[in-house]
Amino acid sequence: ADRNSRHAMAPSGLGGFDSGATPRDVYAQYCQQQGCRKNATLMRSLPDISGTDGFNRLTEIDISHDVVGRVGFKAIVEVIRIAFNLRRLALANNALDDPCVLELLPAIAGHTV
């Protein structure tokens, strides 16, 4: 079985993913669901550590100067939603519009600083 099928969505776990999912797996799965290409820079920066350890280490997402588009941003928002230790989110100069920002707000609502 390939990596994506081993870490497919499950009824419980991290945002509906099984406990063996890494932040990279989660992002890749949401990209597949949204029908968008994975952002190579973001993929390299996401921890490839499974379960809560991987998400606990995810403290920064920087997609500055990286045009991701509305559909691609939806996949990123889903990772942000699960990344409760996220302390820095850099979104400058990437052509995100108001609907993207409105989609982000509920995803970060449960995060603390």
Foldseek 3Di string as FASTA:
>chain_A
DDPLVVFDFDCDAQLRTDQFDALLSQLVNLCVVLVHDDDPVQSVVQDPGGGPVSLLPAAEDACALPAQDDSSLLSVLSSLLRNQNHNYYHDHPHPDDDVSVVSNVVSCVPHDD
